[in-house]
Amino acid sequence: MRALVKKILSQLCPSIFHTLRIRRFTKKNLPKYFVKNIEKLNANSVAIDVGANIGLVSEVMAKTGARVIAFEPNKRALKELRDVAIRYPNIEVNEVAAGTKAAKVKLYLHKDSERTHEDLTQASSLMSEKPNVSKRLSQDVDEIDFAHFLINIDTDIDLLKIDIEGYEIELINHLIDKSALLNVAKVYVETHERKFVALTEATDRMKRRVEDFGLSDKFFWDWH
């Protein structure tokens, strides 16, 4: 019954449907300190969503009027992300993986992707070792050097959100190596060592590097 009501509402009153959907997502899924930071954004702000998936966080940020730059390589997720960007012209969609190099790479999909209609796109990763992905199921995607992007964007970044299913360690170490975070005010990162235990030591080392380089005030861990 609930699914039927959602379908009817989305067809008859799409604006109300999307408003209620985002409000529920924000209240249920996003920590208060992250939401408070988003609420400070305005039309003069720039926010970057790395691992935008289907665009829920991008939409929350875009509602403030900020310029939102979204990165997402998963082809299925991109369909919904593009629909969000149609409603919010201040969202710029980049159909690539924000990474450490310019290359063609494999994006590994959830191991159950072929056996269910459930949306499992949020689990996809550049890391084939991630426990819930399949080395057999993958998409060929473009990766860019995200440090190069940040250094050359020529504007201050008010907020950078990173949720890339384990690859955050490679990316953040790369950003530190290239001194690419100078123009970024706040960085919200979801780490994945709880379910991807092999990342525990590397995650700890990454966090120590952030502290050693005097970047602790910029970083908020486990945003989601």
N, C-alpha and C. Protein backbone atom coordinates (compact mmCIF):
# COMPACT_ATOMS: atom_id res chain seq x y z
N MET A 1 0.83 -1.21 0.00
CA MET A 1 0.00 0.00 0.00
C MET A 1 0.86 1.26 0.00
N ARG A 2 1.91 1.26 0.84
CA ARG A 2 2.78 2.43 0.90
C ARG A 2 3.45 2.68 -0.44
N ALA A 3 3.90 1.61 -1.10
CA ALA A 3 4.54 1.76 -2.40
C ALA A 3 3.57 2.32 -3.44
N LEU A 4 2.31 1.91 -3.37
CA LEU A 4 1.30 2.42 -4.29
C LEU A 4 1.05 3.90 -4.06
N VAL A 5 0.97 4.31 -2.80
CA VAL A 5 0.77 5.73 -2.48
C VAL A 5 1.93 6.56 -2.99
N LYS A 6 3.15 6.05 -2.81
CA LYS A 6 4.33 6.77 -3.30
C LYS A 6 4.29 6.93 -4.81
N LYS A 7 3.89 5.86 -5.50
CA LYS A 7 3.84 5.90 -6.96
C LYS A 7 2.81 6.91 -7.44
N ILE A 8 1.64 6.92 -6.80
CA ILE A 8 0.58 7.86 -7.19
C ILE A 8 1.02 9.29 -6.92
N LEU A 9 1.59 9.52 -5.75
CA LEU A 9 2.03 10.87 -5.38
C LEU A 9 3.13 11.36 -6.32
N SER A 10 4.06 10.47 -6.67
CA SER A 10 5.15 10.87 -7.57
C SER A 10 4.65 11.25 -8.95
N GLN A 11 3.54 10.63 -9.37
CA GLN A 11 2.99 10.92 -10.69
C GLN A 11 2.09 12.15 -10.71
N LEU A 12 1.27 12.30 -9.63
CA LEU A 12 0.32 13.41 -9.59
C LEU A 12 0.94 14.70 -9.05
N CYS A 13 1.79 14.58 -8.06
CA CYS A 13 2.39 15.77 -7.42
C CYS A 13 3.89 15.55 -7.24
N PRO A 14 4.64 15.52 -8.33
CA PRO A 14 6.07 15.19 -8.22
C PRO A 14 6.85 16.13 -7.33
N SER A 15 6.53 17.43 -7.33
CA SER A 15 7.28 18.37 -6.50
C SER A 15 7.08 18.08 -5.02
N ILE A 16 5.84 17.78 -4.63
CA ILE A 16 5.56 17.43 -3.23
C ILE A 16 6.24 16.12 -2.88
N PHE A 17 6.18 15.15 -3.80
CA PHE A 17 6.80 13.84 -3.56
C PHE A 17 8.29 14.00 -3.30
N HIS A 18 8.99 14.76 -4.14
CA HIS A 18 10.43 14.92 -3.98
C HIS A 18 10.77 15.69 -2.71
N THR A 19 9.96 16.69 -2.37
CA THR A 19 10.20 17.46 -1.14
C THR A 19 10.08 16.56 0.09
N LEU A 20 9.03 15.75 0.13
CA LEU A 20 8.83 14.85 1.26
C LEU A 20 9.92 13.78 1.32
N ARG A 21 10.31 13.29 0.14
CA ARG A 21 11.36 12.26 0.08
C ARG A 21 12.68 12.79 0.63
N ILE A 22 13.06 13.99 0.22
CA ILE A 22 14.33 14.57 0.66
C ILE A 22 14.27 14.93 2.14
N ARG A 23 13.13 15.42 2.59
CA ARG A 23 12.99 15.77 4.00
C ARG A 23 13.15 14.52 4.87
N ARG A 24 12.53 13.42 4.45
CA ARG A 24 12.62 12.16 5.21
C ARG A 24 14.06 11.63 5.18
N PHE A 25 14.69 11.68 4.01
CA PHE A 25 16.07 11.21 3.88
C PHE A 25 17.01 12.02 4.78
N THR A 26 16.84 13.33 4.79
CA THR A 26 17.70 14.20 5.59
C THR A 26 17.56 13.88 7.07
N LYS A 27 16.31 13.77 7.52
CA LYS A 27 16.06 13.52 8.95
C LYS A 27 16.54 12.14 9.38
N LYS A 28 16.36 11.14 8.52
CA LYS A 28 16.66 9.76 8.88
C LYS A 28 18.12 9.40 8.70
N ASN A 29 18.79 9.97 7.69
CA ASN A 29 20.09 9.47 7.30
C ASN A 29 21.27 10.40 7.56
N LEU A 30 21.04 11.70 7.65
CA LEU A 30 22.17 12.62 7.73
C LEU A 30 22.36 13.15 9.15
N PRO A 31 23.60 13.15 9.65
CA PRO A 31 23.85 13.66 11.00
C PRO A 31 23.59 15.16 11.09
N LYS A 32 23.23 15.59 12.28
CA LYS A 32 22.84 16.98 12.47
C LYS A 32 23.96 17.96 12.12
N TYR A 33 25.20 17.60 12.47
CA TYR A 33 26.30 18.53 12.19
C TYR A 33 26.52 18.71 10.69
N PHE A 34 26.25 17.64 9.92
CA PHE A 34 26.37 17.74 8.47
C PHE A 34 25.26 18.62 7.91
N VAL A 35 24.04 18.42 8.40
CA VAL A 35 22.90 19.21 7.95
C VAL A 35 23.10 20.69 8.30
N LYS A 36 23.63 20.97 9.48
CA LYS A 36 23.88 22.36 9.88
C LYS A 36 24.87 23.03 8.93
N ASN A 37 25.88 22.28 8.51
CA ASN A 37 26.84 22.83 7.54
C ASN A 37 26.17 23.10 6.20
N ILE A 38 25.31 22.18 5.77
CA ILE A 38 24.58 22.38 4.52
C ILE A 38 23.69 23.62 4.60
N GLU A 39 23.07 23.81 5.74
CA GLU A 39 22.16 24.95 5.90
C GLU A 39 22.88 26.29 5.79
N LYS A 40 24.20 26.29 5.92
CA LYS A 40 24.98 27.52 5.78
C LYS A 40 25.28 27.85 4.32
N LEU A 41 25.04 26.89 3.44
CA LEU A 41 25.31 27.11 2.02
C LEU A 41 24.29 28.09 1.43
N ASN A 42 24.72 28.79 0.38
CA ASN A 42 23.83 29.70 -0.33
C ASN A 42 24.24 29.77 -1.79
N ALA A 43 23.67 30.69 -2.52
CA ALA A 43 23.91 30.77 -3.96
C ALA A 43 25.37 31.09 -4.30
N ASN A 44 26.12 31.59 -3.33
CA ASN A 44 27.53 31.89 -3.57
C ASN A 44 28.46 30.73 -3.17
N SER A 45 27.88 29.64 -2.70
CA SER A 45 28.66 28.50 -2.21
C SER A 45 28.90 27.47 -3.30
N VAL A 46 29.95 26.67 -3.08
CA VAL A 46 30.26 25.54 -3.96
C VAL A 46 30.40 24.29 -3.10
N ALA A 47 29.68 23.25 -3.45
CA ALA A 47 29.75 21.97 -2.73
C ALA A 47 30.03 20.86 -3.73
N ILE A 48 30.84 19.90 -3.32
CA ILE A 48 31.19 18.78 -4.19
C ILE A 48 30.72 17.48 -3.55
N ASP A 49 30.05 16.67 -4.35
CA ASP A 49 29.52 15.38 -3.89
C ASP A 49 30.25 14.26 -4.64
N VAL A 50 31.24 13.65 -3.99
CA VAL A 50 32.01 12.57 -4.60
C VAL A 50 31.40 11.24 -4.17
N GLY A 51 30.90 10.51 -5.14
CA GLY A 51 30.11 9.31 -4.86
C GLY A 51 28.67 9.72 -4.67
N ALA A 52 28.15 10.47 -5.64
CA ALA A 52 26.82 11.06 -5.51
C ALA A 52 25.70 10.03 -5.59
N ASN A 53 25.99 8.87 -6.20
CA ASN A 53 25.00 7.82 -6.36
C ASN A 53 23.74 8.37 -7.04
N ILE A 54 22.56 8.18 -6.48
CA ILE A 54 21.32 8.59 -7.15
C ILE A 54 20.95 10.05 -6.87
N GLY A 55 21.81 10.77 -6.14
CA GLY A 55 21.65 12.21 -6.03
C GLY A 55 20.92 12.73 -4.81
N LEU A 56 20.70 11.91 -3.80
CA LEU A 56 19.96 12.37 -2.63
C LEU A 56 20.70 13.49 -1.90
N VAL A 57 21.98 13.28 -1.62
CA VAL A 57 22.75 14.32 -0.93
C VAL A 57 22.96 15.53 -1.84
N SER A 58 23.19 15.28 -3.12
CA SER A 58 23.32 16.39 -4.07
C SER A 58 22.08 17.26 -4.05
N GLU A 59 20.91 16.62 -3.98
CA GLU A 59 19.66 17.38 -3.96
C GLU A 59 19.52 18.19 -2.67
N VAL A 60 19.89 17.59 -1.55
CA VAL A 60 19.83 18.31 -0.28
C VAL A 60 20.69 19.57 -0.35
N MET A 61 21.88 19.45 -0.93
CA MET A 61 22.78 20.59 -1.05
C MET A 61 22.26 21.59 -2.09
N ALA A 62 21.71 21.09 -3.17
CA ALA A 62 21.24 21.97 -4.24
C ALA A 62 20.06 22.83 -3.81
N LYS A 63 19.26 22.33 -2.88
CA LYS A 63 18.09 23.09 -2.42
C LYS A 63 18.49 24.42 -1.75
N THR A 64 19.76 24.53 -1.34
CA THR A 64 20.24 25.77 -0.72
C THR A 64 20.56 26.84 -1.76
N GLY A 65 20.60 26.44 -3.03
CA GLY A 65 20.98 27.36 -4.10
C GLY A 65 22.45 27.28 -4.46
N ALA A 66 23.21 26.48 -3.70
CA ALA A 66 24.65 26.35 -3.96
C ALA A 66 24.93 25.67 -5.30
N ARG A 67 26.08 25.96 -5.85
CA ARG A 67 26.56 25.21 -7.01
C ARG A 67 27.03 23.85 -6.51
N VAL A 68 26.49 22.78 -7.05
CA VAL A 68 26.82 21.43 -6.61
C VAL A 68 27.49 20.69 -7.76
N ILE A 69 28.68 20.17 -7.50
CA ILE A 69 29.42 19.41 -8.51
C ILE A 69 29.42 17.96 -8.07
N ALA A 70 28.73 17.12 -8.82
CA ALA A 70 28.53 15.72 -8.43
C ALA A 70 29.36 14.80 -9.30
N PHE A 71 29.97 13.80 -8.67
CA PHE A 71 30.75 12.78 -9.37
C PHE A 71 30.13 11.41 -9.11
N GLU A 72 29.83 10.69 -10.18
CA GLU A 72 29.25 9.35 -10.03
C GLU A 72 29.53 8.53 -11.29
N PRO A 73 30.20 7.38 -11.16
CA PRO A 73 30.48 6.56 -12.35
C PRO A 73 29.47 5.46 -12.64
N ASN A 74 28.67 5.05 -11.64
CA ASN A 74 27.77 3.91 -11.84
C ASN A 74 26.67 4.27 -12.83
N LYS A 75 26.55 3.50 -13.90
CA LYS A 75 25.64 3.85 -14.99
C LYS A 75 24.17 3.82 -14.57
N ARG A 76 23.80 2.87 -13.73
CA ARG A 76 22.41 2.82 -13.29
C ARG A 76 22.08 3.99 -12.37
N ALA A 77 22.97 4.29 -11.44
CA ALA A 77 22.74 5.41 -10.52
C ALA A 77 22.68 6.73 -11.28
N LEU A 78 23.46 6.83 -12.35
CA LEU A 78 23.52 8.07 -13.12
C LEU A 78 22.16 8.45 -13.71
N LYS A 79 21.35 7.46 -14.03
CA LYS A 79 20.04 7.77 -14.61
C LYS A 79 19.22 8.60 -13.63
N GLU A 80 19.22 8.21 -12.36
CA GLU A 80 18.45 8.97 -11.36
C GLU A 80 19.14 10.28 -11.01
N LEU A 81 20.47 10.27 -10.98
CA LEU A 81 21.20 11.51 -10.70
C LEU A 81 20.92 12.55 -11.77
N ARG A 82 20.86 12.13 -13.03
CA ARG A 82 20.56 13.09 -14.11
C ARG A 82 19.15 13.65 -13.95
N ASP A 83 18.20 12.81 -13.51
CA ASP A 83 16.83 13.30 -13.28
C ASP A 83 16.81 14.38 -12.20
N VAL A 84 17.61 14.18 -11.17
CA VAL A 84 17.72 15.20 -10.12
C VAL A 84 18.29 16.49 -10.69
N ALA A 85 19.31 16.35 -11.53
CA ALA A 85 19.95 17.53 -12.11
C ALA A 85 19.02 18.30 -13.05
N ILE A 86 18.06 17.61 -13.64
CA ILE A 86 17.07 18.29 -14.47
C ILE A 86 16.24 19.24 -13.62
N ARG A 87 15.91 18.80 -12.40
CA ARG A 87 15.12 19.64 -11.50
C ARG A 87 15.94 20.76 -10.87
N TYR A 88 17.26 20.55 -10.81
CA TYR A 88 18.13 21.55 -10.18
C TYR A 88 19.26 21.89 -11.14
N PRO A 89 19.11 22.96 -11.91
CA PRO A 89 20.16 23.32 -12.87
C PRO A 89 21.48 23.72 -12.21
N ASN A 90 21.49 23.90 -10.89
CA ASN A 90 22.74 24.21 -10.18
C ASN A 90 23.54 22.96 -9.83
N ILE A 91 23.05 21.78 -10.27
CA ILE A 91 23.82 20.54 -10.11
C ILE A 91 24.54 20.23 -11.41
N GLU A 92 25.84 20.06 -11.32
CA GLU A 92 26.67 19.67 -12.47
C GLU A 92 27.06 18.21 -12.30
N VAL A 93 26.68 17.37 -13.23
CA VAL A 93 26.94 15.93 -13.12
C VAL A 93 28.19 15.57 -13.92
N ASN A 94 29.14 14.93 -13.23
CA ASN A 94 30.34 14.40 -13.87
C ASN A 94 30.28 12.88 -13.85
N GLU A 95 30.19 12.27 -15.01
CA GLU A 95 29.97 10.82 -15.12
C GLU A 95 31.29 10.07 -15.07
N VAL A 96 32.05 10.32 -14.01
CA VAL A 96 33.38 9.72 -13.85
C VAL A 96 33.59 9.39 -12.37
N ALA A 97 34.61 8.57 -12.11
CA ALA A 97 35.04 8.30 -10.74
C ALA A 97 36.10 9.31 -10.36
N ALA A 98 35.90 9.99 -9.24
CA ALA A 98 36.91 10.91 -8.72
C ALA A 98 37.99 10.08 -8.05
N GLY A 99 39.17 10.02 -8.66
CA GLY A 99 40.22 9.15 -8.16
C GLY A 99 41.59 9.78 -8.17
N THR A 100 42.58 8.96 -8.47
CA THR A 100 43.98 9.39 -8.35
C THR A 100 44.69 9.54 -9.68
N LYS A 101 44.01 9.17 -10.77
CA LYS A 101 44.68 9.19 -12.07
C LYS A 101 43.64 9.28 -13.18
N ALA A 102 44.09 9.68 -14.34
CA ALA A 102 43.23 9.68 -15.52
C ALA A 102 43.40 8.34 -16.21
N ALA A 103 42.35 7.52 -16.18
CA ALA A 103 42.46 6.16 -16.73
C ALA A 103 41.09 5.53 -16.92
N LYS A 104 41.05 4.48 -17.70
CA LYS A 104 39.89 3.61 -17.79
C LYS A 104 40.03 2.55 -16.71
N VAL A 105 39.01 2.38 -15.89
CA VAL A 105 39.10 1.44 -14.77
C VAL A 105 37.82 0.62 -14.67
N LYS A 106 37.85 -0.38 -13.79
CA LYS A 106 36.69 -1.22 -13.53
C LYS A 106 35.97 -0.70 -12.28
N LEU A 107 34.66 -0.58 -12.38
CA LEU A 107 33.82 -0.31 -11.22
C LEU A 107 33.12 -1.62 -10.89
N TYR A 108 33.40 -2.17 -9.72
CA TYR A 108 32.86 -3.47 -9.34
C TYR A 108 31.51 -3.31 -8.66
N LEU A 109 30.56 -4.16 -9.08
CA LEU A 109 29.17 -4.04 -8.64
C LEU A 109 28.87 -5.03 -7.52
N HIS A 110 27.80 -4.75 -6.80
CA HIS A 110 27.37 -5.63 -5.72
C HIS A 110 27.16 -7.05 -6.26
N LYS A 111 27.53 -8.03 -5.49
CA LYS A 111 27.48 -9.43 -5.95
C LYS A 111 26.07 -9.92 -6.24
N ASP A 112 25.06 -9.25 -5.68
CA ASP A 112 23.66 -9.66 -5.92
C ASP A 112 22.98 -8.81 -6.99
N SER A 113 23.72 -8.01 -7.70
CA SER A 113 23.13 -7.06 -8.66
C SER A 113 22.27 -7.73 -9.72
N GLU A 114 22.62 -8.95 -10.12
CA GLU A 114 21.88 -9.64 -11.16
C GLU A 114 20.67 -10.41 -10.62
N ARG A 115 20.58 -10.53 -9.29
CA ARG A 115 19.56 -11.39 -8.71
C ARG A 115 18.43 -10.64 -8.01
N THR A 116 18.44 -9.33 -8.08
CA THR A 116 17.42 -8.57 -7.37
C THR A 116 17.11 -7.28 -8.11
N HIS A 117 15.91 -6.77 -7.89
CA HIS A 117 15.55 -5.46 -8.44
C HIS A 117 15.89 -4.35 -7.46
N GLU A 118 16.35 -4.72 -6.27
CA GLU A 118 16.74 -3.73 -5.27
C GLU A 118 17.90 -2.90 -5.79
N ASP A 119 17.87 -1.62 -5.47
CA ASP A 119 18.96 -0.74 -5.90
C ASP A 119 20.18 -0.98 -5.01
N LEU A 120 21.21 -1.59 -5.59
CA LEU A 120 22.45 -1.87 -4.86
C LEU A 120 23.62 -1.05 -5.40
N THR A 121 23.29 0.00 -6.14
CA THR A 121 24.34 0.80 -6.77
C THR A 121 25.26 1.47 -5.76
N GLN A 122 24.73 1.74 -4.56
CA GLN A 122 25.53 2.44 -3.56
C GLN A 122 26.70 1.59 -3.07
N ALA A 123 26.69 0.31 -3.37
CA ALA A 123 27.76 -0.57 -2.92
C ALA A 123 28.91 -0.67 -3.92
N SER A 124 28.74 -0.18 -5.12
CA SER A 124 29.76 -0.34 -6.16
C SER A 124 31.05 0.38 -5.76
N SER A 125 32.18 -0.19 -6.18
CA SER A 125 33.47 0.30 -5.72
C SER A 125 34.55 0.08 -6.77
N LEU A 126 35.59 0.90 -6.72
CA LEU A 126 36.76 0.68 -7.55
C LEU A 126 37.65 -0.42 -6.98
N MET A 127 37.32 -0.90 -5.79
CA MET A 127 38.12 -1.91 -5.11
C MET A 127 37.50 -3.29 -5.29
N SER A 128 38.17 -4.16 -6.01
CA SER A 128 37.63 -5.50 -6.24
C SER A 128 37.65 -6.35 -4.98
N GLU A 129 38.45 -5.94 -3.96
CA GLU A 129 38.54 -6.70 -2.72
C GLU A 129 37.39 -6.43 -1.76
N LYS A 130 36.57 -5.44 -2.06
CA LYS A 130 35.46 -5.11 -1.16
C LYS A 130 34.57 -6.35 -0.99
N PRO A 131 34.22 -6.69 0.26
CA PRO A 131 33.54 -7.96 0.52
C PRO A 131 32.22 -8.18 -0.21
N ASN A 132 31.46 -7.13 -0.47
CA ASN A 132 30.13 -7.36 -1.05
C ASN A 132 30.05 -7.11 -2.55
N VAL A 133 31.19 -6.96 -3.22
CA VAL A 133 31.16 -6.80 -4.68
C VAL A 133 31.66 -8.07 -5.35
N SER A 134 31.40 -8.14 -6.66
CA SER A 134 31.81 -9.30 -7.46
C SER A 134 32.90 -8.88 -8.44
N LYS A 135 33.95 -9.67 -8.53
CA LYS A 135 34.99 -9.40 -9.53
C LYS A 135 34.48 -9.68 -10.94
N ARG A 136 33.43 -10.48 -11.02
CA ARG A 136 32.85 -10.82 -12.33
C ARG A 136 31.93 -9.73 -12.85
N LEU A 137 31.23 -9.04 -11.94
CA LEU A 137 30.29 -8.00 -12.33
C LEU A 137 30.95 -6.64 -12.23
N SER A 138 31.10 -5.99 -13.35
CA SER A 138 31.78 -4.70 -13.33
C SER A 138 31.35 -3.85 -14.52
N GLN A 139 31.65 -2.58 -14.44
CA GLN A 139 31.45 -1.65 -15.54
C GLN A 139 32.78 -0.97 -15.84
N ASP A 140 33.04 -0.73 -17.12
CA ASP A 140 34.21 0.06 -17.50
C ASP A 140 33.86 1.53 -17.39
N VAL A 141 34.61 2.26 -16.56
CA VAL A 141 34.30 3.67 -16.32
C VAL A 141 35.58 4.51 -16.44
N ASP A 142 35.39 5.80 -16.54
CA ASP A 142 36.52 6.73 -16.56
C ASP A 142 36.83 7.20 -15.15
N GLU A 143 38.11 7.19 -14.81
CA GLU A 143 38.58 7.78 -13.55
C GLU A 143 39.35 9.04 -13.89
N ILE A 144 39.21 10.08 -13.06
CA ILE A 144 39.99 11.30 -13.25
C ILE A 144 40.89 11.53 -12.04
N ASP A 145 41.90 12.36 -12.24
CA ASP A 145 42.76 12.78 -11.13
C ASP A 145 42.04 13.90 -10.40
N PHE A 146 41.42 13.56 -9.27
CA PHE A 146 40.59 14.52 -8.55
C PHE A 146 41.44 15.62 -7.90
N ALA A 147 42.69 15.33 -7.57
CA ALA A 147 43.58 16.36 -7.04
C ALA A 147 43.80 17.44 -8.10
N HIS A 148 44.01 17.01 -9.33
CA HIS A 148 44.19 17.96 -10.43
C HIS A 148 42.93 18.80 -10.60
N PHE A 149 41.77 18.18 -10.47
CA PHE A 149 40.51 18.91 -10.59
C PHE A 149 40.41 20.00 -9.51
N LEU A 150 40.69 19.63 -8.26
CA LEU A 150 40.57 20.60 -7.17
C LEU A 150 41.56 21.75 -7.30
N ILE A 151 42.76 21.43 -7.68
CA ILE A 151 43.80 22.46 -7.81
C ILE A 151 43.45 23.45 -8.91
N ASN A 152 42.78 22.97 -9.95
CA ASN A 152 42.52 23.82 -11.11
C ASN A 152 41.11 24.41 -11.16
N ILE A 153 40.30 24.16 -10.15
CA ILE A 153 38.92 24.65 -10.20
C ILE A 153 38.85 26.16 -9.98
N ASP A 154 39.86 26.73 -9.34
CA ASP A 154 39.99 28.18 -9.19
C ASP A 154 38.81 28.81 -8.45
N THR A 155 38.34 28.13 -7.41
CA THR A 155 37.31 28.69 -6.53
C THR A 155 37.38 27.98 -5.20
N ASP A 156 36.89 28.63 -4.16
CA ASP A 156 36.86 27.98 -2.85
C ASP A 156 35.72 26.96 -2.80
N ILE A 157 35.97 25.85 -2.12
CA ILE A 157 34.98 24.80 -1.95
C ILE A 157 34.50 24.84 -0.51
N ASP A 158 33.23 25.09 -0.32
CA ASP A 158 32.68 25.19 1.04
C ASP A 158 32.54 23.83 1.69
N LEU A 159 32.22 22.82 0.90
CA LEU A 159 31.94 21.50 1.46
C LEU A 159 32.28 20.43 0.43
N LEU A 160 33.00 19.42 0.89
CA LEU A 160 33.35 18.27 0.05
C LEU A 160 32.90 17.00 0.78
N LYS A 161 32.00 16.25 0.17
CA LYS A 161 31.52 14.99 0.74
C LYS A 161 32.08 13.84 -0.09
N ILE A 162 32.67 12.85 0.62
CA ILE A 162 33.29 11.70 -0.06
C ILE A 162 32.71 10.41 0.49
N ASP A 163 32.08 9.63 -0.38
CA ASP A 163 31.56 8.32 0.00
C ASP A 163 31.78 7.39 -1.19
N ILE A 164 32.94 6.72 -1.21
CA ILE A 164 33.33 5.94 -2.39
C ILE A 164 33.75 4.52 -2.02
N GLU A 165 33.10 3.96 -1.02
CA GLU A 165 33.13 2.53 -0.74
C GLU A 165 34.53 1.94 -0.64
N GLY A 166 35.35 2.53 0.22
CA GLY A 166 36.68 1.99 0.49
C GLY A 166 37.80 2.70 -0.23
N TYR A 167 37.52 3.30 -1.37
CA TYR A 167 38.56 3.97 -2.14
C TYR A 167 38.92 5.34 -1.55
N GLU A 168 38.21 5.73 -0.49
CA GLU A 168 38.50 7.02 0.15
C GLU A 168 39.94 7.09 0.67
N ILE A 169 40.51 5.95 1.04
CA ILE A 169 41.88 5.95 1.56
C ILE A 169 42.86 6.35 0.47
N GLU A 170 42.74 5.72 -0.69
CA GLU A 170 43.60 6.08 -1.83
C GLU A 170 43.41 7.55 -2.20
N LEU A 171 42.16 7.99 -2.24
CA LEU A 171 41.88 9.34 -2.70
C LEU A 171 42.40 10.39 -1.72
N ILE A 172 42.12 10.23 -0.45
CA ILE A 172 42.52 11.25 0.52
C ILE A 172 44.04 11.32 0.65
N ASN A 173 44.71 10.17 0.66
CA ASN A 173 46.18 10.20 0.67
C ASN A 173 46.73 10.93 -0.55
N HIS A 174 46.10 10.71 -1.68
CA HIS A 174 46.50 11.39 -2.92
C HIS A 174 46.28 12.90 -2.81
N LEU A 175 45.15 13.30 -2.26
CA LEU A 175 44.87 14.73 -2.10
C LEU A 175 45.87 15.39 -1.16
N ILE A 176 46.26 14.68 -0.12
CA ILE A 176 47.28 15.20 0.80
C ILE A 176 48.63 15.31 0.10
N ASP A 177 49.00 14.27 -0.63
CA ASP A 177 50.29 14.27 -1.35
C ASP A 177 50.39 15.44 -2.31
N LYS A 178 49.28 15.79 -2.94
CA LYS A 178 49.28 16.84 -3.96
C LYS A 178 48.90 18.22 -3.40
N SER A 179 48.74 18.32 -2.07
CA SER A 179 48.34 19.59 -1.44
C SER A 179 47.10 20.17 -2.11
N ALA A 180 46.11 19.30 -2.33
CA ALA A 180 44.93 19.67 -3.12
C ALA A 180 43.76 20.15 -2.29
N LEU A 181 43.93 20.24 -0.96
CA LEU A 181 42.80 20.59 -0.10
C LEU A 181 42.89 22.02 0.44
N LEU A 182 43.78 22.81 -0.09
CA LEU A 182 43.98 24.17 0.43
C LEU A 182 42.74 25.04 0.29
N ASN A 183 41.98 24.84 -0.77
CA ASN A 183 40.80 25.68 -1.01
C ASN A 183 39.50 25.02 -0.57
N VAL A 184 39.61 23.93 0.22
CA VAL A 184 38.43 23.20 0.70
C VAL A 184 38.22 23.50 2.18
N ALA A 185 37.02 23.96 2.55
CA ALA A 185 36.76 24.35 3.94
C ALA A 185 36.46 23.14 4.81
N LYS A 186 35.54 22.26 4.39
CA LYS A 186 35.12 21.12 5.19
C LYS A 186 35.05 19.87 4.32
N VAL A 187 35.53 18.75 4.88
CA VAL A 187 35.51 17.48 4.17
C VAL A 187 34.78 16.45 5.03
N TYR A 188 33.70 15.90 4.49
CA TYR A 188 32.93 14.88 5.19
C TYR A 188 33.17 13.54 4.49
N VAL A 189 33.65 12.57 5.26
CA VAL A 189 34.06 11.29 4.68
C VAL A 189 33.37 10.14 5.39
N GLU A 190 32.84 9.21 4.61
CA GLU A 190 32.40 7.95 5.20
C GLU A 190 33.50 6.93 4.99
N THR A 191 34.03 6.40 6.10
CA THR A 191 35.02 5.34 6.00
C THR A 191 34.31 3.99 6.10
N HIS A 192 34.99 2.93 5.66
CA HIS A 192 34.30 1.64 5.49
C HIS A 192 35.00 0.48 6.19
N GLU A 193 35.83 0.78 7.17
CA GLU A 193 36.57 -0.28 7.82
C GLU A 193 35.71 -1.19 8.70
N ARG A 194 34.52 -0.74 9.09
CA ARG A 194 33.69 -1.59 9.93
C ARG A 194 33.23 -2.85 9.18
N LYS A 195 32.84 -2.68 7.93
CA LYS A 195 32.38 -3.81 7.13
C LYS A 195 33.47 -4.33 6.19
N PHE A 196 34.53 -3.57 6.05
CA PHE A 196 35.65 -3.93 5.18
C PHE A 196 36.89 -3.93 6.08
N VAL A 197 36.98 -4.98 6.91
CA VAL A 197 37.95 -5.01 8.02
C VAL A 197 39.39 -4.86 7.53
N ALA A 198 39.67 -5.31 6.33
CA ALA A 198 41.03 -5.22 5.80
C ALA A 198 41.51 -3.77 5.68
N LEU A 199 40.59 -2.82 5.74
CA LEU A 199 40.95 -1.41 5.62
C LEU A 199 41.27 -0.75 6.96
N THR A 200 41.16 -1.47 8.05
CA THR A 200 41.29 -0.86 9.38
C THR A 200 42.62 -0.15 9.57
N GLU A 201 43.72 -0.83 9.32
CA GLU A 201 45.03 -0.20 9.53
C GLU A 201 45.26 0.95 8.57
N ALA A 202 44.88 0.77 7.32
CA ALA A 202 45.07 1.84 6.33
C ALA A 202 44.22 3.06 6.66
N THR A 203 43.02 2.82 7.19
CA THR A 203 42.15 3.93 7.60
C THR A 203 42.78 4.69 8.75
N ASP A 204 43.32 3.97 9.73
CA ASP A 204 43.98 4.62 10.86
C ASP A 204 45.18 5.44 10.40
N ARG A 205 45.96 4.90 9.48
CA ARG A 205 47.12 5.64 8.96
C ARG A 205 46.68 6.90 8.23
N MET A 206 45.61 6.78 7.45
CA MET A 206 45.10 7.95 6.74
C MET A 206 44.68 9.04 7.72
N LYS A 207 43.97 8.67 8.77
CA LYS A 207 43.52 9.65 9.76
C LYS A 207 44.70 10.30 10.48
N ARG A 208 45.76 9.52 10.74
CA ARG A 208 46.96 10.09 11.36
C ARG A 208 47.64 11.07 10.42
N ARG A 209 47.64 10.76 9.12
CA ARG A 209 48.23 11.69 8.15
C ARG A 209 47.46 13.00 8.11
N VAL A 210 46.14 12.91 8.16
CA VAL A 210 45.32 14.11 8.19
C VAL A 210 45.71 14.96 9.39
N GLU A 211 45.87 14.32 10.53
CA GLU A 211 46.26 15.05 11.74
C GLU A 211 47.68 15.61 11.62
N ASP A 212 48.62 14.81 11.12
CA ASP A 212 50.01 15.23 11.01
C ASP A 212 50.17 16.42 10.07
N PHE A 213 49.32 16.50 9.05
CA PHE A 213 49.41 17.60 8.09
C PHE A 213 48.58 18.81 8.52
N GLY A 214 48.06 18.78 9.73
CA GLY A 214 47.31 19.92 10.26
C GLY A 214 45.97 20.14 9.60
N LEU A 215 45.34 19.04 9.16
CA LEU A 215 44.07 19.15 8.43
C LEU A 215 42.87 18.70 9.25
N SER A 216 43.08 18.39 10.52
CA SER A 216 42.01 17.81 11.34
C SER A 216 40.77 18.69 11.40
N ASP A 217 40.96 20.00 11.42
CA ASP A 217 39.81 20.91 11.51
C ASP A 217 38.92 20.85 10.27
N LYS A 218 39.47 20.39 9.17
CA LYS A 218 38.69 20.30 7.94
C LYS A 218 37.83 19.03 7.89
N PHE A 219 38.28 17.97 8.55
CA PHE A 219 37.72 16.64 8.33
C PHE A 219 36.70 16.24 9.39
N PHE A 220 35.62 15.61 8.90
CA PHE A 220 34.61 14.98 9.73
C PHE A 220 34.44 13.56 9.22
N TRP A 221 34.67 12.58 10.08
CA TRP A 221 34.64 11.19 9.67
C TRP A 221 33.26 10.58 9.90
N ASP A 222 32.95 9.60 9.10
CA ASP A 222 31.69 8.85 9.25
C ASP A 222 30.48 9.79 9.20
N TRP A 223 30.41 10.56 8.15
CA TRP A 223 29.34 11.57 8.01
C TRP A 223 27.97 10.92 7.90
N HIS A 224 27.91 9.70 7.38
CA HIS A 224 26.60 9.08 7.07
C HIS A 224 26.26 8.03 8.11
